Amino acid sequence: MNGADLLCETLLANDIDVCFANPGTSEMHFVAALDRRPRMRCVLGLFEGVVTGAADGYARMTDKPAATLLHLGPGLANGLANIHNARRARTPMINVVGDHATYHLVHDAPLTSDIESLARPMSHWVGRAETSNSVGAQTEEAIRAARSTPGQIATLILPADAAWNETSQNLPEPIELAKSGMPDSSRIREAADALRSGRRTTIIATGLALRSAQLELLDRIAAPTGARLMAQQSNGRIERGAGRVSVDRVPYPIDQAVQTFADTEQVILVGAKAPVGFFAYPGKPGSMLPKDCLVLDLFAPGEDPVDSIRALADAVVGTDAPPARLAPRHQPEMPTGKLTPDAVAAAVARLMPAGTIICDESVSSGRDFFRTTHGAEPHDFLQLTGGAIGVGLPLAAGAAIACPDRKVIVLQADGSGMYTVQALWTHARERLDVVTIVFSNRRYQILLGE
């Protein structure tokens, strides 16, 4: 068994069985190790941004990381934009970045670069396996980092000789993952007191708080206390549609957002960040909240979000709260006439089957889609979370591999889609059940709007 075999075995021992890959010469021993293991599904991408975006979509739908395989520093650099989006989505991900053999680095070959410096801005954990015997331990550390709460980005650098050299290490066992922290009773009490105070309150949620069970708890808290429940503007995944709690998102336009929060006296953040403008504008505020607005975090990073929401529900409403308010089924009429963004939204809302996964990178053309589909069949809604366009098509590839029994629909802006159009090749090669709707406005509409 060589170092590459040990890496594969360590991933498989910890239920990581999908690798999205764009390999090169320095990764061939790892590629061979992947091929020797039929349990590991290896998905080829023609561009690294497809690879990292697909790993993001896969993890959003499975709540477990995939591995990526990237070719040295330049390959990692090509994938960084969608690693940034994954980081903002709190997605668990393990990037395996090949490097030259340790003894070859001294020659400064053309593809030599400082991989650690490239990885750190987008990674929570960066490690290097200097020898074949260290591959297992480094891989385990990467897995621990990626699977911590909330999900994190781990980048493991694998020199070619660490991959091809034999190792004396034994076959790995599953590692024991750190448990999420218990809810902080003082934070729970502070949030409960705020909700009982009678002040105008908005609850802003993201992450696991936007799954249907947690949304029902939050709605049962919001309704009797008069609080408004919202999702932050961009979210990794929202479970929504008929039979689920309907939530609006923080608006994108700064003037609209400021107006939304004009009378808000306090905000309780449930995994979310306090809302700010996407960009600075002359004469406009950076924060969307009033200056004297009280901001409370329900839990800190590392604390269990689900248990924290349950604790808040127990503290505020106990077992006496009415059932959550669930969206009724609403099927819009099939549109006729001119094809417009609103017509597309109505058609999709009417026709999409239950269990659909929507990957939304429609940008300027699709801003009304969310409102139109509150009462559509139950579905999952995945967004561009970090603002780095080019995620829609790769996200769909990962989601379709994660959930092969579900329909995936991509709402894709034409300009954003050009960044990672190679993902269509992966859709076809893997025979994925993906419907891609391209909004072809043939202009950079965002800049025209600005």
Protein backbone atom coordinates (compact mmCIF):
# COMPACT_ATOMS: atom_id res chain seq x y z
CA MET A 1 0.00 0.00 0.00
CA ASN A 2 1.39 3.39 -0.99
CA GLY A 3 0.52 6.84 0.29
CA ALA A 4 -2.17 7.36 -2.34
CA ASP A 5 -3.83 4.08 -1.33
CA LEU A 6 -3.73 5.16 2.31
CA LEU A 7 -5.38 8.47 1.46
CA CYS A 8 -8.20 6.70 -0.39
CA GLU A 9 -8.69 4.17 2.39
CA THR A 10 -8.82 6.93 5.01
CA LEU A 11 -11.47 8.82 3.04
CA LEU A 12 -13.55 5.68 2.52
CA ALA A 13 -13.26 4.65 6.17
CA ASN A 14 -14.91 7.97 7.01
CA ASP A 15 -17.78 7.76 4.50
CA ILE A 16 -16.21 10.08 1.93
CA ASP A 17 -16.81 8.19 -1.29
CA VAL A 18 -17.05 10.81 -4.05
CA CYS A 19 -14.09 12.65 -5.56
CA PHE A 20 -14.52 15.44 -8.09
CA ALA A 21 -11.29 15.61 -10.05
CA ASN A 22 -9.23 17.52 -12.58
CA PRO A 23 -5.88 15.75 -12.17
CA GLY A 24 -2.49 16.14 -13.83
CA THR A 25 0.83 14.34 -13.96
CA SER A 26 1.69 14.88 -10.29
CA GLU A 27 -1.58 13.24 -9.21
CA MET A 28 -1.39 10.05 -11.31
CA HIS A 29 -0.65 7.73 -8.39
CA PHE A 30 -3.70 9.06 -6.55
CA VAL A 31 -5.77 8.60 -9.73
CA ALA A 32 -4.57 4.99 -9.93
CA ALA A 33 -5.50 4.47 -6.28
CA LEU A 34 -8.98 5.87 -6.93
CA ASP A 35 -9.41 3.51 -9.88
CA ARG A 36 -8.52 0.53 -7.71
CA ARG A 37 -11.45 1.26 -5.39
CA PRO A 38 -14.89 0.77 -6.93
CA ARG A 39 -16.51 2.23 -3.79
CA MET A 40 -15.04 5.62 -4.67
CA ARG A 41 -16.97 7.46 -7.35
CA CYS A 42 -14.61 9.69 -9.29
CA VAL A 43 -16.25 12.49 -11.32
CA LEU A 44 -14.18 14.29 -13.93
CA GLY A 45 -14.45 18.04 -14.49
CA LEU A 46 -12.83 19.85 -17.41
CA PHE A 47 -12.10 22.92 -15.27
CA GLU A 48 -11.27 23.21 -11.59
CA GLY A 49 -14.12 25.65 -10.94
CA VAL A 50 -16.50 22.88 -12.02
CA VAL A 51 -14.79 20.46 -9.64
CA THR A 52 -14.99 22.70 -6.56
CA GLY A 53 -18.50 23.94 -7.34
CA ALA A 54 -19.74 20.37 -7.77
CA ALA A 55 -18.20 19.36 -4.44
CA ASP A 56 -20.09 22.27 -2.90
CA GLY A 57 -23.42 21.17 -4.37
CA TYR A 58 -22.85 17.57 -3.31
CA ALA A 59 -22.11 18.50 0.29
CA ARG A 60 -25.04 20.92 0.54
CA MET A 61 -27.39 18.03 -0.26
CA THR A 62 -25.70 15.23 1.71
CA ASP A 63 -24.35 17.16 4.72
CA LYS A 64 -21.02 15.39 4.28
CA PRO A 65 -17.89 16.40 2.36
CA ALA A 66 -16.73 15.22 -1.01
CA ALA A 67 -13.08 15.26 -1.97
CA THR A 68 -11.68 17.29 -4.83
CA LEU A 69 -8.47 16.52 -6.71
CA LEU A 70 -6.63 19.55 -8.09
CA HIS A 71 -3.38 19.89 -10.04
CA LEU A 72 -0.76 21.86 -8.10
CA GLY A 73 -1.07 25.56 -7.26
CA PRO A 74 -2.46 26.78 -10.60
CA GLY A 75 -5.17 24.10 -10.50
CA LEU A 76 -6.13 25.17 -6.99
CA ALA A 77 -6.15 28.80 -8.13
CA ASN A 78 -8.57 27.93 -10.93
CA GLY A 79 -10.95 26.45 -8.36
CA LEU A 80 -10.71 29.14 -5.69
CA ALA A 81 -13.79 31.17 -6.69
CA ASN A 82 -16.14 28.29 -5.97
CA ILE A 83 -14.18 27.32 -2.86
CA HIS A 84 -14.94 30.87 -1.72
CA ASN A 85 -18.65 30.28 -2.38
CA ALA A 86 -18.48 26.98 -0.50
CA ARG A 87 -16.81 28.67 2.46
CA ARG A 88 -19.63 31.22 2.58
CA ALA A 89 -22.18 28.39 2.42
CA ARG A 90 -20.48 26.65 5.40
CA THR A 91 -19.94 23.65 3.14
CA PRO A 92 -17.66 20.82 4.30
CA MET A 93 -15.02 20.11 1.62
CA ILE A 94 -11.68 18.30 1.40
CA ASN A 95 -9.39 19.55 -1.35
CA VAL A 96 -6.50 17.26 -2.27
CA VAL A 97 -3.92 19.34 -4.13
CA GLY A 98 -1.07 17.50 -5.80
CA ASP A 99 2.44 18.92 -5.66
CA HIS A 100 5.83 18.05 -7.10
CA ALA A 101 7.85 15.38 -5.36
CA THR A 102 9.51 16.88 -2.29
CA TYR A 103 13.01 16.54 -3.76
CA HIS A 104 11.93 18.20 -7.03
CA LEU A 105 10.79 21.47 -5.47
CA VAL A 106 14.36 22.76 -5.31
CA HIS A 107 14.45 22.90 -9.12
CA ASP A 108 11.62 25.47 -9.30
CA ALA A 109 9.89 23.75 -12.23
CA PRO A 110 7.31 25.78 -14.18
CA LEU A 111 4.29 24.63 -12.12
CA THR A 112 5.99 25.17 -8.75
CA SER A 113 4.16 27.65 -6.53
CA ASP A 114 3.42 28.46 -2.89
CA ILE A 115 0.32 26.29 -2.56
CA GLU A 116 -0.15 27.02 1.14
CA SER A 117 -0.38 30.76 0.49
CA LEU A 118 -2.93 30.19 -2.26
CA ALA A 119 -5.02 27.89 -0.07
CA ARG A 120 -5.14 29.79 3.23
CA PRO A 121 -7.53 32.64 2.32
CA MET A 122 -10.26 30.17 1.31
CA SER A 123 -9.47 27.30 3.71
CA HIS A 124 -10.07 26.81 7.42
CA TRP A 125 -7.36 24.13 7.57
CA VAL A 126 -4.28 23.63 5.39
CA GLY A 127 -1.89 20.70 5.77
CA ARG A 128 0.87 18.94 3.84
CA ALA A 129 1.72 15.24 3.88
CA GLU A 130 5.51 15.30 3.61
CA THR A 131 5.88 11.49 3.59
CA SER A 132 3.76 8.47 2.73
CA ASN A 133 3.63 7.53 6.42
CA SER A 134 2.12 10.92 7.31
CA VAL A 135 -0.64 10.77 4.69
CA GLY A 136 -3.12 8.95 6.93
CA ALA A 137 -2.77 11.27 9.91
CA GLN A 138 -2.94 14.39 7.73
CA THR A 139 -6.03 13.09 5.95
CA GLU A 140 -7.70 12.41 9.30
CA GLU A 141 -6.95 15.98 10.41
CA ALA A 142 -8.46 17.29 7.17
CA ILE A 143 -11.61 15.23 7.76
CA ARG A 144 -11.93 16.47 11.35
CA ALA A 145 -11.64 20.06 10.16
CA ALA A 146 -14.10 19.66 7.30
CA ARG A 147 -16.72 17.93 9.45
CA SER A 148 -16.59 20.34 12.37
CA THR A 149 -19.58 22.60 13.08
CA PRO A 150 -20.35 24.43 10.88
CA GLY A 151 -18.78 22.78 7.83
CA GLN A 152 -15.28 23.91 6.92
CA ILE A 153 -12.89 23.86 3.97
CA ALA A 154 -9.84 21.63 4.43
CA THR A 155 -6.98 21.62 1.92
CA LEU A 156 -4.46 18.78 1.96
CA ILE A 157 -1.31 19.09 -0.16
CA LEU A 158 -0.04 15.74 -1.46
CA PRO A 159 3.53 15.67 -2.87
CA ALA A 160 3.95 13.11 -5.64
CA ASP A 161 6.51 11.04 -3.73
CA ALA A 162 4.28 10.91 -0.64
CA ALA A 163 1.67 9.39 -2.95
CA TRP A 164 3.88 6.82 -4.70
CA ASN A 165 6.10 5.69 -1.83
CA GLU A 166 5.09 2.62 0.17
CA THR A 167 3.77 3.12 3.70
CA SER A 168 4.06 1.00 6.80
CA GLN A 169 0.79 2.33 8.23
CA ASN A 170 -2.13 0.00 8.88
CA LEU A 171 -5.51 0.29 7.21
CA PRO A 172 -7.36 3.17 8.88
CA GLU A 173 -10.35 2.98 11.19
CA PRO A 174 -13.15 5.58 11.25
CA ILE A 175 -12.11 8.60 13.27
CA GLU A 176 -14.10 9.98 16.18
CA LEU A 177 -15.42 13.41 15.31
CA ALA A 178 -15.69 16.22 17.83
CA LYS A 179 -19.21 16.79 19.05
CA SER A 180 -20.83 20.17 18.52
CA GLY A 181 -20.86 22.45 21.52
CA MET A 182 -23.91 22.53 23.75
CA PRO A 183 -26.20 25.56 23.55
CA ASP A 184 -25.00 28.52 25.60
CA SER A 185 -27.67 29.03 28.26
CA SER A 186 -26.84 32.73 28.62
CA ARG A 187 -27.33 33.32 24.88
CA ILE A 188 -30.60 31.37 24.94
CA ARG A 189 -31.85 33.34 27.92
CA GLU A 190 -30.86 36.68 26.36
CA ALA A 191 -32.67 35.85 23.11
CA ALA A 192 -35.75 34.61 24.98
CA ASP A 193 -35.89 37.79 27.06
CA ALA A 194 -35.57 39.88 23.91
CA LEU A 195 -38.47 38.05 22.27
CA ARG A 196 -40.67 38.60 25.33
CA SER A 197 -39.79 42.30 25.58
CA GLY A 198 -42.39 43.51 23.09
CA ARG A 199 -39.77 45.29 20.98
CA ARG A 200 -40.00 44.95 17.20
CA THR A 201 -37.85 41.91 16.47
CA THR A 202 -36.58 40.21 13.33
CA ILE A 203 -35.12 36.70 13.39
CA ILE A 204 -32.63 36.14 10.54
CA ALA A 205 -31.65 32.54 9.86
CA THR A 206 -29.33 30.57 7.61
CA GLY A 207 -27.58 27.19 7.46
CA LEU A 208 -29.28 24.27 9.22
CA ALA A 209 -31.85 26.71 10.60
CA LEU A 210 -33.41 26.78 7.11
CA ARG A 211 -34.25 23.08 7.06
CA SER A 212 -37.95 22.37 7.44
CA ALA A 213 -37.91 21.06 11.03
CA GLN A 214 -35.93 24.03 12.33
CA LEU A 215 -38.02 26.50 10.35
CA GLU A 216 -41.15 25.10 11.97
CA LEU A 217 -39.65 25.64 15.41
CA LEU A 218 -38.60 29.18 14.53
CA ASP A 219 -42.06 29.97 13.19
CA ARG A 220 -43.63 28.64 16.40
CA ILE A 221 -41.34 31.05 18.27
CA ALA A 222 -42.00 34.00 15.95
CA ALA A 223 -45.79 33.80 15.73
CA PRO A 224 -46.76 34.27 19.39
CA THR A 225 -44.01 36.82 20.05
CA GLY A 226 -44.77 38.94 16.99
CA ALA A 227 -41.27 38.54 15.61
CA ARG A 228 -40.62 38.55 11.88
CA LEU A 229 -38.78 35.49 10.53
CA MET A 230 -36.48 35.90 7.53
CA ALA A 231 -33.63 34.11 5.78
CA GLN A 232 -30.41 35.95 5.09
CA GLN A 233 -29.99 37.15 1.50
CA SER A 234 -27.85 34.26 0.21
CA ASN A 235 -28.11 30.76 1.65
CA GLY A 236 -26.56 27.38 1.01
CA ARG A 237 -29.87 25.53 1.11
CA ILE A 238 -33.47 26.30 2.02
CA GLU A 239 -36.17 23.64 2.33
CA ARG A 240 -39.31 25.36 1.08
CA GLY A 241 -42.56 25.05 -0.86
CA ALA A 242 -46.02 23.78 0.02
CA GLY A 243 -46.30 22.21 3.46
CA ARG A 244 -43.25 24.07 4.73
CA VAL A 245 -42.73 27.39 6.46
CA SER A 246 -42.53 30.26 3.98
CA VAL A 247 -39.80 32.82 4.68
CA ASP A 248 -38.72 35.89 2.76
CA ARG A 249 -35.06 36.71 2.28
CA VAL A 250 -33.22 39.90 3.14
CA PRO A 251 -33.49 42.05 -0.01
CA TYR A 252 -30.43 42.58 -2.19
CA PRO A 253 -30.97 46.28 -3.17
CA ILE A 254 -29.62 48.43 -0.34
CA ASP A 255 -32.50 50.95 -0.35
CA GLN A 256 -35.10 48.19 -0.19
CA ALA A 257 -33.21 46.43 2.60
CA VAL A 258 -32.84 49.59 4.66
CA GLN A 259 -36.58 50.18 4.33
CA THR A 260 -37.29 46.57 5.34
CA PHE A 261 -35.46 47.03 8.64
CA ALA A 262 -36.38 50.69 9.24
CA ASP A 263 -38.57 49.94 12.29
CA THR A 264 -36.60 46.94 13.58
CA GLU A 265 -35.44 47.42 17.17
CA GLN A 266 -33.62 44.13 17.65
CA VAL A 267 -32.34 41.28 15.50
CA ILE A 268 -31.68 37.70 16.58
CA LEU A 269 -29.18 36.00 14.29
CA VAL A 270 -29.63 32.24 13.93
CA GLY A 271 -26.36 31.34 12.23
CA ALA A 272 -26.64 34.40 10.02
CA LYS A 273 -24.56 37.54 9.76
CA ALA A 274 -25.98 40.98 10.43
CA PRO A 275 -27.17 42.21 7.02
CA VAL A 276 -24.88 44.60 5.16
CA GLY A 277 -24.76 45.98 1.65
CA PHE A 278 -23.14 43.78 -0.98
CA PHE A 279 -21.04 46.82 -1.95
CA ALA A 280 -20.47 50.33 -0.66
CA TYR A 281 -22.32 53.16 -2.41
CA PRO A 282 -21.72 56.91 -2.03
CA GLY A 283 -24.12 58.38 0.49
CA LYS A 284 -25.64 55.04 1.50
CA PRO A 285 -25.11 53.10 4.74
CA GLY A 286 -23.05 49.92 4.88
CA SER A 287 -25.32 48.28 7.46
CA MET A 288 -28.92 47.59 6.61
CA LEU A 289 -29.96 47.91 10.26
CA PRO A 290 -30.84 51.08 12.18
CA LYS A 291 -27.92 52.45 14.19
CA ASP A 292 -29.52 51.70 17.56
CA CYS A 293 -30.69 48.19 16.64
CA LEU A 294 -29.71 45.51 19.17
CA VAL A 295 -28.08 42.46 17.53
CA LEU A 296 -27.95 39.09 19.32
CA ASP A 297 -26.36 35.82 18.17
CA LEU A 298 -28.31 32.74 19.24
CA PHE A 299 -25.19 30.57 19.10
CA ALA A 300 -21.48 30.87 18.46
CA PRO A 301 -19.50 28.95 15.81
CA GLY A 302 -19.05 25.38 16.96
CA GLU A 303 -22.24 25.29 19.02
CA ASP A 304 -25.02 23.02 17.83
CA PRO A 305 -27.54 25.10 15.84
CA VAL A 306 -30.36 22.56 16.02
CA ASP A 307 -30.10 22.13 19.79
CA SER A 308 -29.88 25.91 20.21
CA ILE A 309 -33.12 26.44 18.29
CA ARG A 310 -34.84 23.73 20.34
CA ALA A 311 -33.60 25.32 23.55
CA LEU A 312 -34.96 28.71 22.48
CA ALA A 313 -38.32 27.18 21.61
CA ASP A 314 -38.48 25.50 25.02
CA ALA A 315 -37.59 28.78 26.73
CA VAL A 316 -40.08 30.94 24.84
CA VAL A 317 -43.12 28.81 24.04
CA GLY A 318 -42.58 25.41 25.64
CA THR A 319 -45.10 22.83 24.48
CA ASP A 320 -48.02 25.27 24.23
CA ALA A 321 -47.15 26.95 20.93
CA PRO A 322 -49.59 26.60 18.04
CA PRO A 323 -48.49 24.58 15.01
CA ALA A 324 -46.20 26.30 12.54
CA ARG A 325 -47.80 28.26 9.71
CA LEU A 326 -47.16 26.20 6.56
CA ALA A 327 -47.43 27.43 2.99
CA PRO A 328 -50.49 26.15 1.10
CA ARG A 329 -50.07 24.61 -2.34
CA HIS A 330 -50.37 27.29 -4.99
CA GLN A 331 -50.15 26.36 -8.65
CA PRO A 332 -49.98 29.43 -10.90
CA GLU A 333 -51.69 29.38 -14.26
CA MET A 334 -49.52 28.28 -17.16
CA PRO A 335 -48.34 31.53 -18.75
CA THR A 336 -49.02 32.42 -22.36
CA GLY A 337 -47.63 35.05 -24.66
CA LYS A 338 -44.17 36.55 -24.50
CA LEU A 339 -41.40 34.60 -22.74
CA THR A 340 -40.33 36.76 -19.79
CA PRO A 341 -38.50 36.01 -16.53
CA ASP A 342 -41.86 36.12 -14.72
CA ALA A 343 -43.32 33.64 -17.21
CA VAL A 344 -40.38 31.29 -16.68
CA ALA A 345 -40.86 31.51 -12.90
CA ALA A 346 -44.57 30.75 -13.19
CA ALA A 347 -43.97 27.81 -15.54
CA VAL A 348 -41.33 26.28 -13.29
CA ALA A 349 -43.49 26.82 -10.19
CA ARG A 350 -46.38 25.05 -11.90
CA LEU A 351 -44.50 22.14 -13.47
CA MET A 352 -41.60 21.19 -11.22
CA PRO A 353 -42.12 17.88 -9.41
CA ALA A 354 -41.98 17.41 -5.66
CA GLY A 355 -38.43 17.03 -4.41
CA THR A 356 -36.89 19.23 -7.08
CA ILE A 357 -33.55 20.84 -6.30
CA ILE A 358 -33.32 24.39 -7.64
CA CYS A 359 -29.82 25.79 -8.23
CA ASP A 360 -30.35 29.52 -8.64
CA GLU A 361 -27.76 31.64 -10.41
CA SER A 362 -30.28 33.63 -12.41
CA VAL A 363 -28.94 36.91 -10.96
CA SER A 364 -30.77 39.89 -12.52
CA SER A 365 -33.34 37.85 -14.47
CA GLY A 366 -34.62 35.67 -11.65
CA ARG A 367 -35.12 37.89 -8.63
CA ASP A 368 -38.88 37.27 -8.55
CA PHE A 369 -38.56 33.49 -8.75
CA PHE A 370 -38.36 33.10 -4.98
CA ARG A 371 -41.63 34.95 -4.42
CA THR A 372 -43.41 32.98 -7.15
CA THR A 373 -42.49 29.58 -5.72
CA HIS A 374 -43.49 29.91 -2.05
CA GLY A 375 -46.40 27.53 -2.72
CA ALA A 376 -44.77 25.28 -5.31
CA GLU A 377 -44.20 21.58 -4.68
CA PRO A 378 -41.75 20.99 -1.79
CA HIS A 379 -38.23 21.63 -3.02
CA ASP A 380 -34.72 22.63 -2.02
CA PHE A 381 -33.33 26.00 -3.06
CA LEU A 382 -29.55 26.42 -3.46
CA GLN A 383 -28.02 29.86 -4.00
CA LEU A 384 -24.85 31.63 -4.98
CA THR A 385 -23.54 32.34 -1.48
CA GLY A 386 -20.26 34.17 -1.95
CA GLY A 387 -20.99 36.37 -4.95
CA ALA A 388 -18.34 34.68 -7.13
CA ILE A 389 -20.37 33.94 -10.25
CA GLY A 390 -19.95 30.66 -12.09
CA VAL A 391 -21.42 28.31 -9.49
CA GLY A 392 -24.83 27.39 -10.91
CA LEU A 393 -23.92 24.66 -13.41
CA PRO A 394 -21.29 23.01 -11.16
CA LEU A 395 -23.61 23.19 -8.15
CA ALA A 396 -26.21 21.29 -10.15
CA ALA A 397 -23.72 18.56 -11.04
CA GLY A 398 -22.91 17.96 -7.39
CA ALA A 399 -26.55 18.08 -6.30
CA ALA A 400 -27.57 15.60 -8.99
CA ILE A 401 -24.83 13.16 -7.98
CA ALA A 402 -25.86 13.52 -4.34
CA CYS A 403 -29.56 12.93 -5.10
CA PRO A 404 -29.87 10.84 -8.28
CA ASP A 405 -33.58 10.21 -7.66
CA ARG A 406 -34.48 13.91 -7.70
CA LYS A 407 -34.92 16.42 -10.51
CA VAL A 408 -32.38 19.26 -10.57
CA ILE A 409 -33.25 22.55 -12.28
CA VAL A 410 -30.63 25.24 -12.87
CA LEU A 411 -31.77 28.83 -13.26
CA GLN A 412 -28.69 30.15 -15.02
CA ALA A 413 -27.79 33.69 -16.05
CA ASP A 414 -26.04 33.57 -19.41
CA GLY A 415 -22.99 35.60 -18.40
CA SER A 416 -22.43 33.76 -15.13
CA GLY A 417 -22.81 30.42 -16.87
CA MET A 418 -19.94 31.19 -19.23
CA TYR A 419 -17.48 31.05 -16.32
CA THR A 420 -17.99 27.30 -15.86
CA VAL A 421 -19.81 26.21 -19.02
CA GLN A 422 -17.61 23.08 -19.01
CA ALA A 423 -19.96 21.71 -16.34
CA LEU A 424 -22.41 20.83 -19.12
CA TRP A 425 -19.88 18.22 -20.28
CA THR A 426 -19.93 16.66 -16.81
CA HIS A 427 -23.76 16.71 -16.81
CA ALA A 428 -23.72 14.76 -20.07
CA ARG A 429 -20.86 12.39 -19.24
CA GLU A 430 -22.41 11.40 -15.89
CA ARG A 431 -25.94 11.24 -17.41
CA LEU A 432 -27.29 13.57 -14.74
CA ASP A 433 -30.98 14.46 -14.47
CA VAL A 434 -30.43 18.21 -14.78
CA VAL A 435 -32.62 20.72 -16.62
CA THR A 436 -30.74 23.93 -17.41
CA ILE A 437 -32.73 27.09 -18.09
CA VAL A 438 -30.51 29.87 -19.46
CA PHE A 439 -31.69 33.46 -19.11
CA SER A 440 -30.16 34.86 -22.28
CA ASN A 441 -30.41 38.62 -21.93
CA ARG A 442 -27.13 38.98 -23.87
CA ARG A 443 -25.91 41.85 -21.74
CA TYR A 444 -24.17 42.49 -18.44
CA GLN A 445 -27.45 43.55 -16.85
CA ILE A 446 -26.03 43.98 -13.34
CA LEU A 447 -23.61 46.66 -14.52
CA LEU A 448 -26.31 48.38 -16.56
CA GLY A 449 -28.46 48.45 -13.44
CA GLU A 450 -25.61 49.84 -11.35
